[in-house]
Amino acid sequence: MPSNRLPTSVVRGFAVVYCLSFRYHLVASVFNGTDNKVELDRTPTPATVWRRPPIEYERDLVIELIEGADYPIEKHVLTTSDGYILKLHRIPDPLQYPSAEQDPDPDGLLRFGPPKTFRGSVLLMPGLFSTAADFVVTGPENGLAFVLADAGYDVWLANVRGTRFARKNIKLSVTDSEFWDFSFHEIGTIDLPAIIDYILRETNAPKIYYVGHNQGMTNLFVLLSSKPRYNRKIHHAIGLASIAYLGTTENRVVRRAAELTDRLYSTLKALNIHELKPTPDIVRLMSGIVCSSDMNELCVEMLRGFFGTTVDRSRSFLPSVVDDLLTSVSTRQLIHVGQLMQTRKFQQFDYRNYMVNTQKYGQAKPPEYNLSRVLLPVSLFHGTKDFITSNKDALRLKEELRNVKNFLEIPDLNHMGFVYSDRLYARVNRKIVEILNQHQKP
């Protein structure tokens, strides 16, 4: 008899639709121009049009982008305590090299002065499905890494386990299911402290600054809840569309995705699927086949919101965007986010089995992360058009944290606009520099 089970490729495709429902405004601000209407002030962004250089993908996307913008770049490699090999990218501060020429910039391109001022090291942590490329892909006029380098910061860009720049383990192959047995908890408690300690050793500095987008801040909250001693290693943290408390969004695509969390998790486990990678082939499959099925209405809404344009044009854009920018996540990592939306609690992963939970946690229900242990100064940015973290979610996080110095609502900015908008400098990044400069330590 023919099997009723869907082909694995189709199930993976459904999973990717679920994935993209959390990121479906990925580049809306780039294509629809709506984010150009409201800015923090009337100061225009520089008019120079930056053309992204051709990408030699097999070499290194981030290196190509930074070199193409004519900035210095270093590659660093470290190994975590459980064997994952992580690549870090760095735009180094020239003052760390006494032999380097310190001539003023002849073109006057530095936006902050004096040009020889060194302000410290800053770590940029990307979110779910993302890599260090998020902070340079919009070019030197808007990319946060470039803006901070111009402001005198030693900029480190992180990549965490499972992403395209961290797909090796000294004991495991990427094809092993054990390789993908992690969520953001392991990234926060293992990868992030390893990265922070590595930077402190390399720079011989007592503390760093931290900027995280999306799950980049989730990782920090997990770390500080579990290992509060790391509060002493960070001057100030800035969260962009931070994810901790979820579940009150009015976006029906995201709400529907959260409702499907348990069903999707069971299906993926049954099919032994541990890695979710939004490849162009799968996206074409979903936009051409699944979006023509009974899920058509949701898919149309997702694609229109993704690009702010016609569905047909969105389908043509999507594969190239996915190929250039998005990266793999573990099944458990994504399901964990869905569980946060279901429960409206910021808690550890729920195995949906009281015996397994008891074995892992010593209790039948997963423990909640204790945000009262987050003691360092924090500034939070929230977009009023955020489709994942509602204003209610953002305010709840603000109230739970003990040391929020700034809470800024950016008009008409969506969740992914904090890294992909073409007006980042005037609307967000300049304010980030101002906040970090205000918290300079003597």
Protein backbone atom coordinates (compact mmCIF):
# COMPACT_ATOMS: atom_id res chain seq x y z
CA MET A 1 0.00 0.00 0.00
CA PRO A 2 1.26 3.49 -0.68
CA SER A 3 2.52 5.37 2.37
CA ASN A 4 0.62 8.38 3.70
CA ARG A 5 3.82 9.93 5.03
CA LEU A 6 4.88 13.11 3.29
CA PRO A 7 8.28 13.12 1.58
CA THR A 8 11.07 14.34 3.81
CA SER A 9 11.76 17.27 1.48
CA VAL A 10 8.18 18.49 1.87
CA VAL A 11 8.30 18.18 5.66
CA ARG A 12 11.54 20.14 5.66
CA GLY A 13 9.75 22.69 3.52
CA PHE A 14 6.90 23.00 6.01
CA ALA A 15 9.53 23.50 8.70
CA VAL A 16 11.11 26.27 6.69
CA VAL A 17 7.76 28.04 6.33
CA TYR A 18 7.50 27.79 10.10
CA CYS A 19 11.04 29.19 10.33
CA LEU A 20 10.35 32.05 7.99
CA SER A 21 7.17 32.99 9.79
CA PHE A 22 9.47 34.15 12.60
CA ARG A 23 11.52 36.18 10.08
CA TYR A 24 9.03 37.05 7.38
CA HIS A 25 9.86 40.79 7.49
CA LEU A 26 13.51 39.93 6.90
CA VAL A 27 14.21 42.56 4.30
CA ALA A 28 10.90 44.40 3.99
CA SER A 29 12.57 47.66 4.92
CA VAL A 30 15.08 47.27 2.11
CA PHE A 31 12.50 46.72 -0.62
CA ASN A 32 9.38 48.61 0.33
CA GLY A 33 10.94 51.82 1.61
CA THR A 34 8.42 52.26 4.42
CA ASP A 35 11.16 52.63 7.00
CA ASN A 36 12.42 55.76 5.28
CA LYS A 37 9.41 57.81 6.38
CA VAL A 38 10.23 58.33 10.06
CA GLU A 39 13.68 58.89 11.50
CA LEU A 40 15.07 59.69 14.92
CA ASP A 41 15.73 63.21 13.71
CA ARG A 42 16.03 65.18 10.49
CA THR A 43 19.74 64.52 9.95
CA PRO A 44 20.03 62.70 6.60
CA THR A 45 22.16 59.63 6.13
CA PRO A 46 25.21 59.99 3.87
CA ALA A 47 24.16 59.99 0.24
CA THR A 48 26.91 57.69 -1.01
CA VAL A 49 25.47 54.63 -2.71
CA TRP A 50 27.37 51.49 -1.71
CA ARG A 51 27.57 48.65 -4.19
CA ARG A 52 28.08 45.26 -2.62
CA PRO A 53 31.08 43.49 -4.16
CA PRO A 54 30.64 40.09 -5.80
CA ILE A 55 30.72 37.38 -3.16
CA GLU A 56 33.15 34.50 -3.40
CA TYR A 57 30.96 32.39 -1.15
CA GLU A 58 33.39 29.54 -0.63
CA ARG A 59 35.97 31.94 0.74
CA ASP A 60 34.04 33.89 3.37
CA LEU A 61 30.98 36.09 2.96
CA VAL A 62 31.89 38.40 5.86
CA ILE A 63 35.52 38.81 4.79
CA GLU A 64 34.42 39.67 1.26
CA LEU A 65 31.97 42.28 2.50
CA ILE A 66 34.45 43.94 4.85
CA GLU A 67 37.35 43.89 2.41
CA GLY A 68 35.03 45.19 -0.33
CA ALA A 69 34.30 48.18 1.92
CA ASP A 70 38.06 48.70 2.41
CA TYR A 71 38.15 47.99 6.16
CA PRO A 72 40.73 45.79 7.90
CA ILE A 73 39.58 42.28 8.80
CA GLU A 74 40.87 39.47 11.00
CA LYS A 75 39.60 35.91 11.35
CA HIS A 76 39.84 34.17 14.72
CA VAL A 77 38.99 30.58 15.58
CA LEU A 78 38.19 29.11 18.99
CA THR A 79 36.94 25.78 20.29
CA THR A 80 34.21 25.48 22.92
CA SER A 81 34.36 23.14 25.89
CA ASP A 82 32.14 20.65 24.05
CA GLY A 83 34.17 20.75 20.85
CA TYR A 84 32.42 23.20 18.53
CA ILE A 85 34.81 25.24 16.40
CA LEU A 86 33.62 28.85 16.09
CA LYS A 87 34.89 31.49 13.71
CA LEU A 88 34.97 35.10 14.86
CA HIS A 89 35.42 38.09 12.56
CA ARG A 90 37.11 41.25 13.75
CA ILE A 91 37.51 44.78 12.46
CA PRO A 92 40.54 45.66 14.60
CA ASP A 93 41.25 49.01 16.15
CA PRO A 94 44.35 50.49 14.43
CA LEU A 95 45.70 51.84 17.74
CA GLN A 96 46.41 48.25 18.79
CA TYR A 97 49.16 48.21 16.16
CA PRO A 98 51.78 50.81 17.15
CA SER A 99 53.69 50.33 13.91
CA ALA A 100 50.66 51.16 11.79
CA GLU A 101 50.42 54.59 10.20
CA GLN A 102 48.13 56.88 12.12
CA ASP A 103 47.53 59.48 9.44
CA PRO A 104 44.12 61.13 9.52
CA ASP A 105 41.63 59.80 7.02
CA PRO A 106 42.31 61.87 3.85
CA ASP A 107 38.72 61.52 2.66
CA GLY A 108 37.21 62.59 5.96
CA LEU A 109 34.95 59.57 6.05
CA LEU A 110 35.16 58.96 9.78
CA ARG A 111 31.87 60.05 11.29
CA PHE A 112 33.10 60.33 14.87
CA GLY A 113 36.19 62.04 16.18
CA PRO A 114 38.87 62.40 17.13
CA PRO A 115 39.93 59.65 14.71
CA LYS A 116 42.68 58.30 17.01
CA THR A 117 40.39 57.71 19.99
CA PHE A 118 40.12 54.09 21.10
CA ARG A 119 36.86 53.41 22.93
CA GLY A 120 37.09 49.70 23.73
CA SER A 121 36.04 46.35 22.30
CA VAL A 122 32.46 45.54 21.36
CA LEU A 123 30.93 42.15 20.56
CA LEU A 124 28.09 41.96 18.02
CA MET A 125 25.90 38.86 18.41
CA PRO A 126 23.49 37.95 15.56
CA GLY A 127 20.11 36.33 15.98
CA LEU A 128 18.31 33.20 14.83
CA PHE A 129 19.18 32.05 11.27
CA SER A 130 21.88 34.73 11.14
CA THR A 131 25.64 35.16 11.09
CA ALA A 132 28.10 38.01 11.46
CA ALA A 133 27.09 39.06 7.93
CA ASP A 134 24.02 40.77 9.41
CA PHE A 135 26.18 43.60 10.74
CA VAL A 136 28.02 44.35 7.50
CA VAL A 137 25.61 43.44 4.69
CA THR A 138 24.08 46.93 4.48
CA GLY A 139 27.47 48.47 3.71
CA PRO A 140 29.80 50.98 5.38
CA GLU A 141 27.22 53.75 5.66
CA ASN A 142 24.67 51.64 7.55
CA GLY A 143 26.28 48.42 8.78
CA LEU A 144 26.67 48.53 12.55
CA ALA A 145 30.13 46.95 12.50
CA PHE A 146 31.43 49.69 10.20
CA VAL A 147 29.77 52.48 12.17
CA LEU A 148 31.30 51.25 15.43
CA ALA A 149 34.72 50.87 13.82
CA ASP A 150 34.49 54.47 12.60
CA ALA A 151 33.59 55.52 16.14
CA GLY A 152 36.82 54.06 17.54
CA TYR A 153 35.69 50.62 18.69
CA ASP A 154 37.49 47.32 18.25
CA VAL A 155 34.64 45.33 16.66
CA TRP A 156 34.18 41.57 17.10
CA LEU A 157 31.48 39.73 15.18
CA ALA A 158 30.28 36.40 16.56
CA ASN A 159 29.17 33.20 14.87
CA VAL A 160 27.63 30.40 16.92
CA ARG A 161 27.37 26.65 16.54
CA GLY A 162 25.51 25.30 13.55
CA THR A 163 25.79 28.43 11.41
CA ARG A 164 27.72 28.47 8.16
CA PHE A 165 30.85 29.72 9.94
CA ALA A 166 30.70 27.19 12.78
CA ARG A 167 29.86 23.79 11.30
CA LYS A 168 32.72 21.78 12.77
CA ASN A 169 33.23 19.86 16.00
CA ILE A 170 36.38 18.06 17.08
CA LYS A 171 34.37 14.89 17.86
CA LEU A 172 31.20 15.11 15.79
CA SER A 173 30.33 15.43 12.13
CA VAL A 174 27.70 17.87 10.93
CA THR A 175 25.77 14.82 9.71
CA ASP A 176 25.54 13.38 13.25
CA SER A 177 22.31 13.99 15.12
CA GLU A 178 24.36 14.71 18.26
CA PHE A 179 25.94 17.70 16.50
CA TRP A 180 22.52 19.38 16.41
CA ASP A 181 21.47 18.52 19.95
CA PHE A 182 21.35 22.10 21.20
CA SER A 183 19.12 25.13 21.52
CA PHE A 184 19.88 28.73 22.46
CA HIS A 185 20.53 27.48 26.01
CA GLU A 186 23.78 25.78 24.96
CA ILE A 187 24.72 28.78 22.83
CA GLY A 188 24.21 31.06 25.82
CA THR A 189 25.93 28.90 28.43
CA ILE A 190 28.81 27.51 26.32
CA ASP A 191 29.43 29.45 23.09
CA LEU A 192 28.93 32.97 24.43
CA PRO A 193 31.17 32.71 27.51
CA ALA A 194 33.87 31.09 25.36
CA ILE A 195 33.66 34.01 22.92
CA ILE A 196 33.74 36.66 25.67
CA ASP A 197 36.70 35.05 27.41
CA TYR A 198 38.57 34.73 24.13
CA ILE A 199 38.12 38.44 23.35
CA LEU A 200 39.22 39.47 26.83
CA ARG A 201 42.37 37.35 26.48
CA GLU A 202 43.16 38.70 23.03
CA THR A 203 42.62 42.34 23.97
CA ASN A 204 43.86 42.17 27.57
CA ALA A 205 40.80 44.20 28.54
CA PRO A 206 38.75 43.71 31.72
CA LYS A 207 35.40 44.24 30.00
CA ILE A 208 33.71 44.53 26.61
CA TYR A 209 30.56 46.14 25.24
CA TYR A 210 27.80 43.98 23.81
CA VAL A 211 25.15 44.44 21.12
CA GLY A 212 22.73 41.62 20.34
CA HIS A 213 19.89 41.31 17.88
CA ASN A 214 16.94 38.96 18.26
CA GLN A 215 18.26 35.72 19.78
CA GLY A 216 21.62 37.41 20.28
CA MET A 217 20.11 38.98 23.39
CA THR A 218 18.40 35.73 24.38
CA ASN A 219 21.86 34.17 24.52
CA LEU A 220 23.08 36.93 26.85
CA PHE A 221 20.10 36.65 29.18
CA VAL A 222 20.62 32.87 29.37
CA LEU A 223 24.31 33.34 30.17
CA LEU A 224 23.79 35.92 32.91
CA SER A 225 20.92 33.94 34.45
CA SER A 226 23.09 30.83 34.56
CA LYS A 227 26.51 32.37 35.19
CA PRO A 228 25.97 35.79 36.76
CA ARG A 229 29.72 36.34 37.19
CA TYR A 230 29.75 37.41 33.53
CA ASN A 231 27.97 40.62 34.56
CA ARG A 232 31.45 41.77 35.60
CA LYS A 233 32.82 41.26 32.09
CA ILE A 234 30.47 43.56 30.16
CA HIS A 235 30.30 47.36 30.44
CA HIS A 236 26.91 47.79 28.81
CA ALA A 237 24.59 45.67 26.66
CA ILE A 238 22.30 46.93 23.91
CA GLY A 239 19.41 44.77 22.76
CA LEU A 240 17.82 45.16 19.33
CA ALA A 241 14.39 43.49 19.10
CA SER A 242 15.35 41.33 22.07
CA ILE A 243 13.70 37.93 22.46
CA ALA A 244 12.82 36.72 25.95
CA TYR A 245 9.09 36.96 26.56
CA LEU A 246 6.92 36.14 23.56
CA GLY A 247 3.35 35.22 22.79
CA THR A 248 1.30 38.42 22.70
CA THR A 249 1.89 39.34 19.05
CA GLU A 250 -1.20 40.04 16.97
CA ASN A 251 0.44 38.67 13.83
CA ARG A 252 -1.61 35.66 12.90
CA VAL A 253 1.14 33.98 10.87
CA VAL A 254 3.47 33.94 13.87
CA ARG A 255 0.66 32.88 16.19
CA ARG A 256 -0.25 30.02 13.87
CA ALA A 257 3.39 28.94 13.71
CA ALA A 258 3.52 28.82 17.50
CA GLU A 259 0.40 26.66 17.60
CA LEU A 260 2.09 24.16 15.28
CA THR A 261 5.21 23.87 17.44
CA ASP A 262 4.45 20.53 19.10
CA ARG A 263 3.16 18.92 15.92
CA LEU A 264 6.20 20.05 13.96
CA TYR A 265 8.60 18.87 16.66
CA SER A 266 7.04 15.39 16.72
CA THR A 267 7.18 15.12 12.94
CA LEU A 268 10.78 16.25 12.69
CA LYS A 269 11.86 13.84 15.41
CA ALA A 270 10.04 10.96 13.72
CA LEU A 271 11.82 11.74 10.45
CA ASN A 272 15.19 12.16 12.20
CA ILE A 273 15.54 15.76 10.97
CA HIS A 274 17.84 17.74 13.25
CA GLU A 275 19.04 20.59 11.03
CA LEU A 276 16.75 23.20 9.46
CA LYS A 277 18.34 25.02 6.59
CA PRO A 278 16.27 27.41 4.44
CA THR A 279 17.94 26.51 1.13
CA PRO A 280 16.79 28.08 -2.14
CA ASP A 281 15.52 24.72 -3.39
CA ILE A 282 13.27 24.24 -0.38
CA VAL A 283 12.03 27.81 -0.57
CA ARG A 284 11.16 27.32 -4.24
CA LEU A 285 9.36 24.13 -3.32
CA MET A 286 7.33 25.85 -0.64
CA SER A 287 6.48 28.97 -2.62
CA GLY A 288 5.55 26.99 -5.72
CA ILE A 289 3.81 23.93 -4.25
CA VAL A 290 2.79 24.35 -0.64
CA CYS A 291 1.72 27.94 -1.12
CA SER A 292 -0.68 26.69 -3.76
CA SER A 293 -2.33 24.32 -1.31
CA ASP A 294 -4.70 24.94 1.57
CA MET A 295 -1.97 27.03 3.26
CA ASN A 296 -2.04 29.52 0.40
CA GLU A 297 -3.54 32.38 2.39
CA LEU A 298 -0.87 32.17 5.11
CA CYS A 299 1.92 31.85 2.55
CA VAL A 300 0.71 34.84 0.58
CA GLU A 301 0.58 36.94 3.73
CA MET A 302 4.03 35.76 4.74
CA LEU A 303 5.62 36.51 1.38
CA ARG A 304 3.95 39.90 1.05
CA GLY A 305 5.09 40.87 4.53
CA PHE A 306 8.54 39.48 3.82
CA PHE A 307 9.21 41.88 0.94
CA GLY A 308 6.34 44.36 1.00
CA THR A 309 5.71 43.68 -2.66
CA THR A 310 3.82 41.30 -4.93
CA VAL A 311 3.87 37.59 -4.20
CA ASP A 312 5.37 36.74 -7.59
CA ARG A 313 8.20 39.19 -7.09
CA SER A 314 8.72 37.94 -3.54
CA ARG A 315 9.12 34.40 -4.80
CA SER A 316 11.84 35.53 -7.18
CA PHE A 317 13.69 37.49 -4.48
CA LEU A 318 13.49 34.88 -1.74
CA PRO A 319 15.96 32.22 -2.96
CA SER A 320 18.83 34.68 -3.47
CA VAL A 321 18.25 36.29 -0.07
CA VAL A 322 18.16 32.91 1.61
CA ASP A 323 21.32 31.82 -0.19
CA ASP A 324 23.26 34.94 0.79
CA LEU A 325 22.15 35.68 4.33
CA LEU A 326 20.31 32.94 6.19
CA THR A 327 21.94 29.96 7.83
CA SER A 328 21.00 26.69 9.51
CA VAL A 329 19.59 26.24 12.98
CA SER A 330 18.97 23.12 14.99
CA THR A 331 15.46 21.75 15.19
CA ARG A 332 15.51 22.09 18.96
CA GLN A 333 16.70 25.70 18.73
CA LEU A 334 13.69 26.72 16.66
CA ILE A 335 11.19 24.65 18.63
CA HIS A 336 12.47 26.31 21.82
CA VAL A 337 11.43 29.69 20.43
CA GLY A 338 8.00 28.28 19.61
CA GLN A 339 7.67 27.04 23.17
CA LEU A 340 8.38 30.54 24.50
CA MET A 341 5.47 31.79 22.44
CA GLN A 342 3.19 28.99 23.63
CA THR A 343 3.93 29.36 27.33
CA ARG A 344 4.65 33.11 27.45
CA LYS A 345 7.44 32.18 29.84
CA PHE A 346 11.20 32.63 29.46
CA GLN A 347 12.23 29.11 30.35
CA GLN A 348 14.50 26.24 29.38
CA PHE A 349 13.61 23.70 26.71
CA ASP A 350 10.58 21.51 27.42
CA TYR A 351 11.10 17.91 26.24
CA ARG A 352 7.36 17.33 26.57
CA ASN A 353 8.14 14.30 28.72
CA TYR A 354 8.11 14.64 32.48
CA MET A 355 10.65 11.81 32.89
CA VAL A 356 13.13 13.44 30.53
CA ASN A 357 12.55 16.85 32.10
CA THR A 358 13.10 15.39 35.55
CA GLN A 359 16.30 13.75 34.41
CA LYS A 360 17.56 17.02 32.87
CA TYR A 361 16.29 19.53 35.42
CA GLY A 362 15.35 17.63 38.56
CA GLN A 363 11.72 18.67 38.07
CA ALA A 364 8.85 17.81 35.76
CA LYS A 365 8.60 21.29 34.23
CA PRO A 366 11.53 23.21 32.73
CA PRO A 367 12.86 25.96 35.03
CA GLU A 368 12.46 29.61 34.12
CA TYR A 369 15.49 31.80 33.57
CA ASN A 370 16.07 34.17 36.47
CA LEU A 371 16.41 37.64 34.95
CA SER A 372 17.01 39.19 38.36
CA ARG A 373 20.57 37.96 37.93
CA VAL A 374 21.06 40.28 34.95
CA LEU A 375 22.75 43.17 36.75
CA LEU A 376 24.72 44.97 34.05
CA PRO A 377 23.37 48.17 32.44
CA VAL A 378 21.09 47.42 29.49
CA SER A 379 19.55 49.55 26.74
CA LEU A 380 16.62 48.13 24.78
CA PHE A 381 15.48 49.10 21.26
CA HIS A 382 12.00 48.07 20.11
CA GLY A 383 10.39 48.67 16.72
CA THR A 384 6.74 49.68 16.73
CA LYS A 385 6.11 47.43 13.71
CA ASP A 386 7.76 44.38 15.27
CA PHE A 387 5.78 41.31 14.26
CA ILE A 388 7.42 38.89 16.73
CA THR A 389 7.96 40.81 19.97
CA SER A 390 4.96 42.97 20.69
CA ASN A 391 5.11 46.20 22.66
CA LYS A 392 3.65 44.27 25.60
CA ASP A 393 6.44 41.69 25.39
CA ALA A 394 9.09 44.41 25.20
CA LEU A 395 7.70 46.29 28.20
CA ARG A 396 7.51 43.08 30.21
CA LEU A 397 11.20 42.45 29.54
CA LYS A 398 11.98 46.02 30.56
CA GLU A 399 10.16 45.54 33.86
CA GLU A 400 11.87 42.21 34.61
CA LEU A 401 15.39 43.55 34.08
CA ARG A 402 16.87 45.42 37.03
CA ASN A 403 19.15 47.92 35.31
CA VAL A 404 17.56 49.25 32.10
CA LYS A 405 19.17 52.58 31.26
CA ASN A 406 17.35 53.30 28.01
CA PHE A 407 14.17 52.00 26.38
CA LEU A 408 13.76 53.32 22.86
CA GLU A 409 10.81 52.73 20.55
CA ILE A 410 11.70 53.22 16.91
CA PRO A 411 8.66 54.27 14.83
CA ASP A 412 7.64 52.01 11.94
CA LEU A 413 10.63 49.67 12.29
CA ASN A 414 10.01 45.93 12.10
CA HIS A 415 11.86 43.07 13.78
CA MET A 416 14.44 42.53 11.04
CA GLY A 417 14.73 46.20 10.17
CA PHE A 418 17.33 46.56 12.93
CA VAL A 419 19.87 44.82 10.71
CA TYR A 420 18.48 45.06 7.15
CA SER A 421 16.99 48.55 6.89
CA ASP A 422 18.77 50.92 4.50
CA ARG A 423 18.32 53.79 7.00
CA LEU A 424 20.00 52.21 9.99
CA TYR A 425 22.58 54.91 10.56
CA ALA A 426 20.17 57.76 11.23
CA ARG A 427 17.47 55.69 12.91
CA VAL A 428 19.38 53.24 15.10
CA ASN A 429 23.14 52.93 14.78
CA ARG A 430 24.06 56.52 15.56
CA LYS A 431 22.04 56.24 18.77
CA ILE A 432 23.87 53.01 19.65
CA VAL A 433 27.18 54.82 19.39
CA GLU A 434 25.90 57.66 21.54
CA ILE A 435 24.77 55.25 24.25
CA LEU A 436 28.07 53.35 24.25
CA ASN A 437 30.06 56.57 24.34
CA GLN A 438 28.04 57.76 27.33
CA HIS A 439 29.00 54.61 29.22
CA GLN A 440 32.74 54.90 28.61
CA LYS A 441 34.76 53.74 31.60
CA PRO A 442 37.78 55.75 32.75
